[in-house]
All heavy atoms as atom14 arrays in JSON, in Angstrom:
{
  "sequence": "YADSVKGRFTISRDNAKNTVYLQMNSLKLEDTAVYYCYANNVYGAYW",
  "atom14_mask": [
    [1, 1, 1, 1, 1, 1, 1, 1, 1, 1, 1, 1, 0, 0],
    [1, 1, 1, 1, 1, 0, 0, 0, 0, 0, 0, 0, 0, 0],
    [1, 1, 1, 1, 1, 1, 1, 1, 0, 0, 0, 0, 0, 0],
    [1, 1, 1, 1, 1, 1, 0, 0, 0, 0, 0, 0, 0, 0],
    [1, 1, 1, 1, 1, 1, 1, 0, 0, 0, 0, 0, 0, 0],
    [1, 1, 1, 1, 1, 1, 1, 1, 1, 0, 0, 0, 0, 0],
    [1, 1, 1, 1, 0, 0, 0, 0, 0, 0, 0, 0, 0, 0],
    [1, 1, 1, 1, 1, 1, 1, 1, 1, 1, 1, 0, 0, 0],
    [1, 1, 1, 1, 1, 1, 1, 1, 1, 1, 1, 0, 0, 0],
    [1, 1, 1, 1, 1, 1, 1, 0, 0, 0, 0, 0, 0, 0],
    [1, 1, 1, 1, 1, 1, 1, 1, 0, 0, 0, 0, 0, 0],
    [1, 1, 1, 1, 1, 1, 0, 0, 0, 0, 0, 0, 0, 0],
    [1, 1, 1, 1, 1, 1, 1, 1, 1, 1, 1, 0, 0, 0],
    [1, 1, 1, 1, 1, 1, 1, 1, 0, 0, 0, 0, 0, 0],
    [1, 1, 1, 1, 1, 1, 1, 1, 0, 0, 0, 0, 0, 0],
    [1, 1, 1, 1, 1, 0, 0, 0, 0, 0, 0, 0, 0, 0],
    [1, 1, 1, 1, 1, 1, 1, 1, 1, 0, 0, 0, 0, 0],
    [1, 1, 1, 1, 1, 1, 1, 1, 0, 0, 0, 0, 0, 0],
    [1, 1, 1, 1, 1, 1, 1, 0, 0, 0, 0, 0, 0, 0],
    [1, 1, 1, 1, 1, 1, 1, 0, 0, 0, 0, 0, 0, 0],
    [1, 1, 1, 1, 1, 1, 1, 1, 1, 1, 1, 1, 0, 0],
    [1, 1, 1, 1, 1, 1, 1, 1, 0, 0, 0, 0, 0, 0],
    [1, 1, 1, 1, 1, 1, 1, 1, 1, 0, 0, 0, 0, 0],
    [1, 1, 1, 1, 1, 1, 1, 1, 0, 0, 0, 0, 0, 0],
    [1, 1, 1, 1, 1, 1, 1, 1, 0, 0, 0, 0, 0, 0],
    [1, 1, 1, 1, 1, 1, 0, 0, 0, 0, 0, 0, 0, 0],
    [1, 1, 1, 1, 1, 1, 1, 1, 0, 0, 0, 0, 0, 0],
    [1, 1, 1, 1, 1, 1, 1, 1, 1, 0, 0, 0, 0, 0],
    [1, 1, 1, 1, 1, 1, 1, 1, 0, 0, 0, 0, 0, 0],
    [1, 1, 1, 1, 1, 1, 1, 1, 1, 0, 0, 0, 0, 0],
    [1, 1, 1, 1, 1, 1, 1, 1, 0, 0, 0, 0, 0, 0],
    [1, 1, 1, 1, 1, 1, 1, 0, 0, 0, 0, 0, 0, 0],
    [1, 1, 1, 1, 1, 0, 0, 0, 0, 0, 0, 0, 0, 0],
    [1, 1, 1, 1, 1, 1, 1, 0, 0, 0, 0, 0, 0, 0],
    [1, 1, 1, 1, 1, 1, 1, 1, 1, 1, 1, 1, 0, 0],
    [1, 1, 1, 1, 1, 1, 1, 1, 1, 1, 1, 1, 0, 0],
    [1, 1, 1, 1, 1, 1, 0, 0, 0, 0, 0, 0, 0, 0],
    [1, 1, 1, 1, 1, 1, 1, 1, 1, 1, 1, 1, 0, 0],
    [1, 1, 1, 1, 1, 0, 0, 0, 0, 0, 0, 0, 0, 0],
    [1, 1, 1, 1, 1, 1, 1, 1, 0, 0, 0, 0, 0, 0],
    [1, 1, 1, 1, 1, 1, 1, 1, 0, 0, 0, 0, 0, 0],
    [1, 1, 1, 1, 1, 1, 1, 0, 0, 0, 0, 0, 0, 0],
    [1, 1, 1, 1, 1, 1, 1, 1, 1, 1, 1, 1, 0, 0],
    [1, 1, 1, 1, 0, 0, 0, 0, 0, 0, 0, 0, 0, 0],
    [1, 1, 1, 1, 1, 0, 0, 0, 0, 0, 0, 0, 0, 0],
    [1, 1, 1, 1, 1, 1, 1, 1, 1, 1, 1, 1, 0, 0],
    [1, 1, 1, 1, 1, 1, 1, 1, 1, 1, 1, 1, 1, 1]
  ],
  "atom14_positions": [
    [[48.19, 14.67, 42.65], [48.34, 13.24, 42.38], [48.77, 12.98, 40.95], [48.36, 13.7, 40.04], [47.01, 12.51, 42.6], [46.52, 12.48, 44.01], [45.65, 13.45, 44.48], [46.91, 11.45, 44.87], [45.19, 13.41, 45.79], [46.44, 11.4, 46.17], [45.59, 12.39, 46.61], [45.13, 12.33, 47.91], [0.0, 0.0, 0.0], [0.0, 0.0, 0.0]],
    [[49.54, 11.93, 40.77], [49.79, 11.45, 39.43], [48.48, 10.9, 38.86], [47.67, 10.33, 39.59], [50.84, 10.34, 39.45], [0.0, 0.0, 0.0], [0.0, 0.0, 0.0], [0.0, 0.0, 0.0], [0.0, 0.0, 0.0], [0.0, 0.0, 0.0], [0.0, 0.0, 0.0], [0.0, 0.0, 0.0], [0.0, 0.0, 0.0], [0.0, 0.0, 0.0]],
    [[48.29, 11.07, 37.56], [47.05, 10.59, 36.94], [46.84, 9.1, 37.17], [45.71, 8.63, 37.31], [47.08, 10.88, 35.44], [46.9, 12.36, 35.13], [46.44, 13.11, 36.02], [47.21, 12.76, 34.0], [0.0, 0.0, 0.0], [0.0, 0.0, 0.0], [0.0, 0.0, 0.0], [0.0, 0.0, 0.0], [0.0, 0.0, 0.0], [0.0, 0.0, 0.0]],
    [[47.93, 8.35, 37.22], [47.84, 6.91, 37.33], [47.29, 6.42, 38.67], [46.88, 5.26, 38.79], [49.21, 6.27, 37.09], [50.15, 6.75, 38.05], [0.0, 0.0, 0.0], [0.0, 0.0, 0.0], [0.0, 0.0, 0.0], [0.0, 0.0, 0.0], [0.0, 0.0, 0.0], [0.0, 0.0, 0.0], [0.0, 0.0, 0.0], [0.0, 0.0, 0.0]],
    [[47.27, 7.3, 39.67], [46.81, 6.88, 41.0], [45.56, 7.62, 41.45], [45.01, 7.3, 42.51], [47.92, 7.02, 42.06], [49.19, 6.29, 41.61], [48.22, 8.48, 42.38], [0.0, 0.0, 0.0], [0.0, 0.0, 0.0], [0.0, 0.0, 0.0], [0.0, 0.0, 0.0], [0.0, 0.0, 0.0], [0.0, 0.0, 0.0], [0.0, 0.0, 0.0]],
    [[45.12, 8.59, 40.68], [43.93, 9.36, 41.08], [42.73, 8.43, 41.26], [42.47, 7.56, 40.43], [43.63, 10.42, 40.02], [44.55, 11.61, 40.07], [44.19, 12.64, 38.99], [45.12, 13.84, 39.04], [44.82, 14.81, 37.96], [0.0, 0.0, 0.0], [0.0, 0.0, 0.0], [0.0, 0.0, 0.0], [0.0, 0.0, 0.0], [0.0, 0.0, 0.0]],
    [[42.02, 8.65, 42.35], [40.86, 7.83, 42.64], [41.17, 6.54, 43.38], [40.27, 5.86, 43.88], [0.0, 0.0, 0.0], [0.0, 0.0, 0.0], [0.0, 0.0, 0.0], [0.0, 0.0, 0.0], [0.0, 0.0, 0.0], [0.0, 0.0, 0.0], [0.0, 0.0, 0.0], [0.0, 0.0, 0.0], [0.0, 0.0, 0.0], [0.0, 0.0, 0.0]],
    [[42.45, 6.19, 43.46], [42.84, 4.96, 44.16], [43.7, 5.25, 45.39], [43.61, 4.53, 46.39], [43.61, 4.04, 43.22], [42.85, 3.62, 41.99], [43.61, 2.55, 41.19], [44.89, 3.03, 40.71], [46.07, 2.47, 40.98], [46.13, 1.39, 41.76], [47.19, 2.97, 40.47], [0.0, 0.0, 0.0], [0.0, 0.0, 0.0], [0.0, 0.0, 0.0]],
    [[44.55, 6.26, 45.29], [45.46, 6.6, 46.39], [45.0, 7.9, 47.05], [44.5, 8.81, 46.38], [46.88, 6.82, 45.87], [47.58, 5.57, 45.39], [46.91, 4.37, 45.2], [48.94, 5.62, 45.09], [47.56, 3.24, 44.74], [49.61, 4.51, 44.63], [48.92, 3.32, 44.45], [0.0, 0.0, 0.0], [0.0, 0.0, 0.0], [0.0, 0.0, 0.0]],
    [[45.23, 7.98, 48.35], [44.91, 9.2, 49.09], [46.1, 9.56, 49.97], [46.56, 8.74, 50.78], [43.67, 9.01, 49.97], [42.57, 8.63, 49.15], [43.33, 10.31, 50.7], [0.0, 0.0, 0.0], [0.0, 0.0, 0.0], [0.0, 0.0, 0.0], [0.0, 0.0, 0.0], [0.0, 0.0, 0.0], [0.0, 0.0, 0.0], [0.0, 0.0, 0.0]],
    [[46.57, 10.78, 49.8], [47.65, 11.27, 50.65], [47.06, 12.12, 51.76], [46.09, 12.85, 51.55], [48.69, 12.07, 49.82], [49.94, 12.36, 50.65], [48.09, 13.35, 49.25], [51.11, 12.89, 49.83], [0.0, 0.0, 0.0], [0.0, 0.0, 0.0], [0.0, 0.0, 0.0], [0.0, 0.0, 0.0], [0.0, 0.0, 0.0], [0.0, 0.0, 0.0]],
    [[47.64, 11.99, 52.94], [47.21, 12.8, 54.07], [48.42, 13.12, 54.92], [49.49, 12.52, 54.78], [46.14, 12.07, 54.89], [46.64, 10.86, 55.41], [0.0, 0.0, 0.0], [0.0, 0.0, 0.0], [0.0, 0.0, 0.0], [0.0, 0.0, 0.0], [0.0, 0.0, 0.0], [0.0, 0.0, 0.0], [0.0, 0.0, 0.0], [0.0, 0.0, 0.0]],
    [[48.2, 14.05, 55.83], [49.34, 14.57, 56.58], [48.89, 14.96, 57.98], [47.82, 15.55, 58.14], [49.92, 15.76, 55.83], [51.07, 16.46, 56.47], [51.61, 17.48, 55.46], [52.69, 18.24, 56.04], [53.46, 19.07, 55.36], [53.26, 19.25, 54.06], [54.43, 19.74, 55.95], [0.0, 0.0, 0.0], [0.0, 0.0, 0.0], [0.0, 0.0, 0.0]],
    [[49.71, 14.63, 58.95], [49.5, 15.07, 60.32], [50.64, 16.02, 60.66], [51.76, 15.58, 60.96], [49.48, 13.86, 61.26], [49.11, 14.21, 62.68], [49.36, 15.37, 63.09], [48.59, 13.35, 63.39], [0.0, 0.0, 0.0], [0.0, 0.0, 0.0], [0.0, 0.0, 0.0], [0.0, 0.0, 0.0], [0.0, 0.0, 0.0], [0.0, 0.0, 0.0]],
    [[50.37, 17.3, 60.61], [51.43, 18.29, 60.84], [51.97, 18.22, 62.26], [53.16, 18.45, 62.5], [50.91, 19.69, 60.54], [50.69, 19.92, 59.06], [51.4, 19.39, 58.22], [49.68, 20.71, 58.73], [0.0, 0.0, 0.0], [0.0, 0.0, 0.0], [0.0, 0.0, 0.0], [0.0, 0.0, 0.0], [0.0, 0.0, 0.0], [0.0, 0.0, 0.0]],
    [[51.12, 17.9, 63.2], [51.56, 17.82, 64.59], [52.58, 16.69, 64.78], [53.48, 16.8, 65.61], [50.37, 17.61, 65.51], [0.0, 0.0, 0.0], [0.0, 0.0, 0.0], [0.0, 0.0, 0.0], [0.0, 0.0, 0.0], [0.0, 0.0, 0.0], [0.0, 0.0, 0.0], [0.0, 0.0, 0.0], [0.0, 0.0, 0.0], [0.0, 0.0, 0.0]],
    [[52.41, 15.62, 64.0], [53.33, 14.48, 64.09], [54.42, 14.54, 63.03], [55.28, 13.66, 62.98], [52.55, 13.17, 63.95], [51.59, 12.9, 65.1], [50.9, 11.56, 64.92], [49.97, 11.26, 66.07], [49.28, 9.95, 65.91], [0.0, 0.0, 0.0], [0.0, 0.0, 0.0], [0.0, 0.0, 0.0], [0.0, 0.0, 0.0], [0.0, 0.0, 0.0]],
    [[54.35, 15.55, 62.16], [55.33, 15.66, 61.07], [55.37, 14.37, 60.26], [56.45, 13.88, 59.89], [56.72, 16.0, 61.62], [57.46, 17.0, 60.75], [56.89, 17.58, 59.83], [58.72, 17.19, 61.03], [0.0, 0.0, 0.0], [0.0, 0.0, 0.0], [0.0, 0.0, 0.0], [0.0, 0.0, 0.0], [0.0, 0.0, 0.0], [0.0, 0.0, 0.0]],
    [[54.2, 13.85, 59.97], [54.08, 12.55, 59.31], [53.13, 12.67, 58.12], [52.1, 13.36, 58.2], [53.55, 11.49, 60.29], [54.48, 11.36, 61.37], [53.39, 10.14, 59.61], [0.0, 0.0, 0.0], [0.0, 0.0, 0.0], [0.0, 0.0, 0.0], [0.0, 0.0, 0.0], [0.0, 0.0, 0.0], [0.0, 0.0, 0.0], [0.0, 0.0, 0.0]],
    [[53.51, 11.99, 57.05], [52.68, 11.93, 55.86], [52.32, 10.48, 55.59], [53.13, 9.57, 55.85], [53.37, 12.58, 54.65], [54.63, 11.83, 54.25], [52.42, 12.7, 53.47], [0.0, 0.0, 0.0], [0.0, 0.0, 0.0], [0.0, 0.0, 0.0], [0.0, 0.0, 0.0], [0.0, 0.0, 0.0], [0.0, 0.0, 0.0], [0.0, 0.0, 0.0]],
    [[51.1, 10.27, 55.11], [50.59, 8.93, 54.86], [50.17, 8.79, 53.4], [49.82, 9.78, 52.75], [49.37, 8.66, 55.74], [49.61, 8.88, 57.21], [49.29, 10.1, 57.8], [50.15, 7.89, 58.01], [49.52, 10.33, 59.14], [50.38, 8.1, 59.36], [50.05, 9.32, 59.92], [50.28, 9.53, 61.26], [0.0, 0.0, 0.0], [0.0, 0.0, 0.0]],
    [[50.19, 7.56, 52.93], [49.66, 7.28, 51.6], [48.79, 6.03, 51.71], [49.31, 4.93, 51.91], [50.78, 7.07, 50.59], [50.31, 6.9, 49.15], [49.74, 8.23, 48.61], [51.46, 6.43, 48.25], [0.0, 0.0, 0.0], [0.0, 0.0, 0.0], [0.0, 0.0, 0.0], [0.0, 0.0, 0.0], [0.0, 0.0, 0.0], [0.0, 0.0, 0.0]],
    [[47.49, 6.23, 51.6], [46.56, 5.1, 51.58], [46.41, 4.67, 50.12], [46.0, 5.45, 49.27], [45.21, 5.52, 52.14], [44.17, 4.42, 52.1], [44.52, 3.24, 52.99], [44.96, 3.43, 54.12], [44.33, 2.03, 52.49], [0.0, 0.0, 0.0], [0.0, 0.0, 0.0], [0.0, 0.0, 0.0], [0.0, 0.0, 0.0], [0.0, 0.0, 0.0]],
    [[46.74, 3.41, 49.87], [46.72, 2.88, 48.51], [45.67, 1.78, 48.42], [45.79, 0.76, 49.1], [48.1, 2.34, 48.13], [49.21, 3.37, 48.29], [50.8, 2.77, 47.69], [51.14, 1.47, 48.86], [0.0, 0.0, 0.0], [0.0, 0.0, 0.0], [0.0, 0.0, 0.0], [0.0, 0.0, 0.0], [0.0, 0.0, 0.0], [0.0, 0.0, 0.0]],
    [[44.66, 2.01, 47.62], [43.58, 1.04, 47.42], [43.56, 0.57, 45.97], [44.16, 1.2, 45.09], [42.24, 1.67, 47.78], [42.16, 2.09, 49.23], [42.75, 1.48, 50.11], [41.41, 3.14, 49.49], [0.0, 0.0, 0.0], [0.0, 0.0, 0.0], [0.0, 0.0, 0.0], [0.0, 0.0, 0.0], [0.0, 0.0, 0.0], [0.0, 0.0, 0.0]],
    [[42.86, -0.52, 45.74], [42.72, -1.06, 44.38], [44.07, -1.19, 43.7], [44.25, -0.77, 42.54], [41.78, -0.17, 43.55], [40.52, -0.06, 44.16], [0.0, 0.0, 0.0], [0.0, 0.0, 0.0], [0.0, 0.0, 0.0], [0.0, 0.0, 0.0], [0.0, 0.0, 0.0], [0.0, 0.0, 0.0], [0.0, 0.0, 0.0], [0.0, 0.0, 0.0]],
    [[45.0, -1.76, 44.4], [46.37, -1.83, 43.89], [46.46, -2.71, 42.65], [45.77, -3.73, 42.53], [47.31, -2.33, 44.98], [47.64, -1.28, 46.04], [48.15, -1.92, 47.31], [48.64, -0.29, 45.49], [0.0, 0.0, 0.0], [0.0, 0.0, 0.0], [0.0, 0.0, 0.0], [0.0, 0.0, 0.0], [0.0, 0.0, 0.0], [0.0, 0.0, 0.0]],
    [[47.34, -2.29, 41.74], [47.53, -2.98, 40.47], [48.97, -3.5, 40.38], [49.86, -3.0, 41.09], [47.27, -2.03, 39.31], [45.89, -1.38, 39.32], [45.77, -0.38, 38.17], [44.4, 0.29, 38.16], [44.27, 1.26, 37.05], [0.0, 0.0, 0.0], [0.0, 0.0, 0.0], [0.0, 0.0, 0.0], [0.0, 0.0, 0.0], [0.0, 0.0, 0.0]],
    [[49.18, -4.44, 39.49], [50.53, -4.97, 39.29], [51.52, -3.86, 39.0], [52.67, -3.88, 39.47], [50.53, -5.99, 38.15], [49.72, -7.27, 38.36], [49.72, -8.1, 37.08], [50.26, -8.07, 39.53], [0.0, 0.0, 0.0], [0.0, 0.0, 0.0], [0.0, 0.0, 0.0], [0.0, 0.0, 0.0], [0.0, 0.0, 0.0], [0.0, 0.0, 0.0]],
    [[51.08, -2.87, 38.22], [51.98, -1.79, 37.82], [52.29, -0.8, 38.95], [53.07, 0.13, 38.77], [51.42, -1.03, 36.61], [50.0, -0.53, 36.78], [48.98, -1.48, 36.19], [49.13, -2.72, 36.35], [48.01, -0.99, 35.58], [0.0, 0.0, 0.0], [0.0, 0.0, 0.0], [0.0, 0.0, 0.0], [0.0, 0.0, 0.0], [0.0, 0.0, 0.0]],
    [[51.67, -0.97, 40.11], [52.03, -0.15, 41.27], [53.26, -0.67, 41.98], [53.77, -0.03, 42.91], [50.87, -0.09, 42.25], [49.66, 0.62, 41.71], [49.83, 1.67, 41.04], [48.53, 0.15, 41.93], [0.0, 0.0, 0.0], [0.0, 0.0, 0.0], [0.0, 0.0, 0.0], [0.0, 0.0, 0.0], [0.0, 0.0, 0.0], [0.0, 0.0, 0.0]],
    [[53.75, -1.83, 41.56], [54.96, -2.38, 42.16], [56.14, -1.45, 41.96], [56.44, -1.04, 40.83], [55.28, -3.76, 41.55], [54.24, -4.68, 41.89], [56.6, -4.29, 42.05], [0.0, 0.0, 0.0], [0.0, 0.0, 0.0], [0.0, 0.0, 0.0], [0.0, 0.0, 0.0], [0.0, 0.0, 0.0], [0.0, 0.0, 0.0], [0.0, 0.0, 0.0]],
    [[56.78, -1.09, 43.07], [57.89, -0.13, 43.01], [58.45, 0.05, 44.42], [57.86, -0.39, 45.4], [57.41, 1.22, 42.48], [0.0, 0.0, 0.0], [0.0, 0.0, 0.0], [0.0, 0.0, 0.0], [0.0, 0.0, 0.0], [0.0, 0.0, 0.0], [0.0, 0.0, 0.0], [0.0, 0.0, 0.0], [0.0, 0.0, 0.0], [0.0, 0.0, 0.0]],
    [[59.58, 0.72, 44.47], [60.06, 1.25, 45.74], [59.46, 2.63, 45.9], [59.56, 3.48, 45.0], [61.6, 1.32, 45.78], [62.06, 1.93, 47.09], [62.21, -0.07, 45.58], [0.0, 0.0, 0.0], [0.0, 0.0, 0.0], [0.0, 0.0, 0.0], [0.0, 0.0, 0.0], [0.0, 0.0, 0.0], [0.0, 0.0, 0.0], [0.0, 0.0, 0.0]],
    [[58.84, 2.86, 47.03], [58.17, 4.12, 47.32], [59.05, 4.95, 48.25], [59.45, 4.49, 49.32], [56.8, 3.88, 47.94], [55.78, 3.43, 46.92], [55.87, 2.18, 46.31], [54.73, 4.27, 46.54], [54.95, 1.77, 45.36], [53.8, 3.86, 45.59], [53.93, 2.63, 45.0], [53.01, 2.22, 44.05], [0.0, 0.0, 0.0], [0.0, 0.0, 0.0]],
    [[59.31, 6.17, 47.82], [60.19, 7.07, 48.56], [59.4, 8.23, 49.13], [58.62, 8.88, 48.42], [61.29, 7.62, 47.65], [62.25, 6.58, 47.16], [62.04, 5.93, 45.94], [63.39, 6.26, 47.9], [62.93, 4.98, 45.48], [64.28, 5.3, 47.43], [64.04, 4.66, 46.23], [64.93, 3.73, 45.77], [0.0, 0.0, 0.0], [0.0, 0.0, 0.0]],
    [[59.66, 8.5, 50.4], [59.1, 9.7, 51.01], [59.92, 10.91, 50.59], [61.16, 10.83, 50.49], [59.14, 9.53, 52.53], [58.44, 10.91, 53.45], [0.0, 0.0, 0.0], [0.0, 0.0, 0.0], [0.0, 0.0, 0.0], [0.0, 0.0, 0.0], [0.0, 0.0, 0.0], [0.0, 0.0, 0.0], [0.0, 0.0, 0.0], [0.0, 0.0, 0.0]],
    [[59.25, 12.0, 50.39], [59.88, 13.25, 49.95], [59.4, 14.39, 50.83], [58.23, 14.45, 51.21], [59.48, 13.51, 48.5], [59.8, 14.88, 47.99], [61.08, 15.18, 47.49], [58.85, 15.9, 47.99], [61.38, 16.44, 47.01], [59.15, 17.16, 47.51], [60.41, 17.42, 47.02], [60.71, 18.67, 46.54], [0.0, 0.0, 0.0], [0.0, 0.0, 0.0]],
    [[60.32, 15.28, 51.15], [59.96, 16.47, 51.94], [60.79, 17.63, 51.46], [61.95, 17.48, 51.08], [60.18, 16.21, 53.42], [0.0, 0.0, 0.0], [0.0, 0.0, 0.0], [0.0, 0.0, 0.0], [0.0, 0.0, 0.0], [0.0, 0.0, 0.0], [0.0, 0.0, 0.0], [0.0, 0.0, 0.0], [0.0, 0.0, 0.0], [0.0, 0.0, 0.0]],
    [[60.17, 18.8, 51.5], [60.81, 19.99, 50.93], [60.57, 21.18, 51.85], [59.44, 21.38, 52.35], [60.22, 20.25, 49.54], [60.75, 21.51, 48.89], [60.39, 22.62, 49.29], [61.59, 21.34, 47.91], [0.0, 0.0, 0.0], [0.0, 0.0, 0.0], [0.0, 0.0, 0.0], [0.0, 0.0, 0.0], [0.0, 0.0, 0.0], [0.0, 0.0, 0.0]],
    [[61.62, 21.97, 52.09], [61.45, 23.24, 52.79], [62.43, 24.24, 52.21], [63.07, 23.99, 51.18], [61.6, 23.05, 54.3], [62.97, 22.54, 54.71], [63.91, 22.59, 53.93], [63.06, 22.05, 55.92], [0.0, 0.0, 0.0], [0.0, 0.0, 0.0], [0.0, 0.0, 0.0], [0.0, 0.0, 0.0], [0.0, 0.0, 0.0], [0.0, 0.0, 0.0]],
    [[62.59, 25.38, 52.86], [63.44, 26.45, 52.31], [64.91, 26.03, 52.25], [65.71, 26.65, 51.54], [63.3, 27.75, 53.11], [61.9, 28.31, 52.96], [63.65, 27.53, 54.57], [0.0, 0.0, 0.0], [0.0, 0.0, 0.0], [0.0, 0.0, 0.0], [0.0, 0.0, 0.0], [0.0, 0.0, 0.0], [0.0, 0.0, 0.0], [0.0, 0.0, 0.0]],
    [[65.26, 25.0, 53.01], [66.67, 24.58, 53.06], [66.99, 23.52, 52.0], [68.18, 23.25, 51.75], [66.99, 24.03, 54.45], [66.69, 25.02, 55.54], [65.65, 24.81, 56.44], [67.44, 26.17, 55.68], [65.35, 25.73, 57.43], [67.17, 27.1, 56.67], [66.12, 26.87, 57.53], [65.84, 27.79, 58.5], [0.0, 0.0, 0.0], [0.0, 0.0, 0.0]],
    [[65.97, 22.92, 51.42], [66.24, 21.92, 50.4], [65.21, 20.82, 50.33], [64.14, 20.92, 50.94], [0.0, 0.0, 0.0], [0.0, 0.0, 0.0], [0.0, 0.0, 0.0], [0.0, 0.0, 0.0], [0.0, 0.0, 0.0], [0.0, 0.0, 0.0], [0.0, 0.0, 0.0], [0.0, 0.0, 0.0], [0.0, 0.0, 0.0], [0.0, 0.0, 0.0]],
    [[65.56, 19.79, 49.56], [64.7, 18.63, 49.38], [65.35, 17.42, 50.02], [66.59, 17.26, 49.96], [64.46, 18.37, 47.9], [0.0, 0.0, 0.0], [0.0, 0.0, 0.0], [0.0, 0.0, 0.0], [0.0, 0.0, 0.0], [0.0, 0.0, 0.0], [0.0, 0.0, 0.0], [0.0, 0.0, 0.0], [0.0, 0.0, 0.0], [0.0, 0.0, 0.0]],
    [[64.53, 16.57, 50.59], [65.02, 15.43, 51.35], [64.27, 14.17, 50.92], [63.09, 14.24, 50.54], [64.84, 15.66, 52.85], [65.47, 16.95, 53.32], [64.75, 18.14, 53.31], [66.79, 16.99, 53.75], [65.31, 19.33, 53.73], [67.37, 18.17, 54.17], [66.63, 19.33, 54.16], [67.21, 20.5, 54.56], [0.0, 0.0, 0.0], [0.0, 0.0, 0.0]],
    [[64.97, 13.04, 51.05], [64.39, 11.76, 50.64], [64.56, 10.73, 51.74], [65.59, 10.7, 52.42], [65.08, 11.24, 49.38], [64.87, 12.09, 48.18], [65.66, 13.1, 47.74], [63.78, 12.01, 47.26], [65.13, 13.65, 46.6], [63.98, 13.0, 46.28], [62.65, 11.19, 47.16], [63.09, 13.2, 45.22], [61.77, 11.39, 46.11], [62.0, 12.38, 45.16]]
  ]
}
C-alpha cells in the first residue's frame, strides 16, 4: 500500500473471478483522482 492510504484502503482479490477490489474507507478530499486498474504478468503490464 501507499503510505497515504494505509489503514483506510484494503485491496483484495478473487483469483477464481480474475477480479481485484479496492475497499476505500474514511475517504479524504485528496483521494480525488482517476483510479486505474493495473495487472502484470510475464507478457507485460496492462491498464
